[in-house]
Amino acid sequence: KKTYSLTHAAMKLLGKNATETNVTCLLVLFELVVIAIAFLLVRPV
């Protein structure tokens, strides 16, 4: 749920000054970062 709200907020903030392409790129990068963090947290030490 937090991810969706952050994404929605990012779209609202960036949608005013950025194009859809830039927003899409940022959302993809954001998702990759979240996946990377989740992988590191889940990975056994």
Protein backbone atom coordinates (compact mmCIF):
# COMPACT_ATOMS: atom_id res chain seq x y z
CA LYS A 1 0.00 0.00 0.00
CA LYS A 2 2.84 2.38 0.80
CA THR A 3 4.38 1.77 -2.62
CA TYR A 4 1.14 2.69 -4.38
CA SER A 5 0.69 5.88 -2.36
CA LEU A 6 4.29 6.93 -2.99
CA THR A 7 3.89 6.21 -6.69
CA HIS A 8 0.64 8.17 -6.78
CA ALA A 9 2.27 11.10 -5.00
CA ALA A 10 5.23 11.00 -7.38
CA MET A 11 2.87 11.04 -10.37
CA LYS A 12 1.04 14.04 -8.91
CA LEU A 13 4.24 16.00 -8.19
CA LEU A 14 6.09 15.09 -11.38
CA GLY A 15 3.06 15.06 -13.66
CA LYS A 16 2.88 18.87 -13.54
CA ASN A 17 6.39 19.53 -14.84
CA ALA A 18 7.46 16.22 -16.37
CA THR A 19 6.26 14.34 -19.41
CA GLU A 20 4.62 10.94 -19.15
CA THR A 21 7.80 9.36 -20.49
CA ASN A 22 9.93 10.86 -17.71
CA VAL A 23 7.39 9.83 -15.08
CA THR A 24 7.31 6.30 -16.46
CA CYS A 25 11.12 6.07 -16.34
CA LEU A 26 11.17 7.32 -12.75
CA LEU A 27 8.45 4.87 -11.74
CA VAL A 28 10.38 1.98 -13.30
CA LEU A 29 13.58 3.03 -11.50
CA PHE A 30 11.64 3.40 -8.24
CA GLU A 31 10.18 -0.08 -8.63
CA LEU A 32 13.63 -1.53 -9.34
CA VAL A 33 15.00 0.12 -6.17
CA VAL A 34 12.12 -1.27 -4.10
CA ILE A 35 12.68 -4.75 -5.53
CA ALA A 36 16.41 -4.51 -4.83
CA ILE A 37 15.82 -3.43 -1.22
CA ALA A 38 13.24 -6.18 -0.72
CA PHE A 39 15.69 -8.73 -2.13
CA LEU A 40 18.43 -7.59 0.26
CA LEU A 41 16.05 -7.71 3.24
CA VAL A 42 14.68 -11.16 2.38
CA ARG A 43 18.07 -12.64 1.48
CA PRO A 44 19.48 -14.73 4.36
CA VAL A 45 22.69 -13.31 5.80
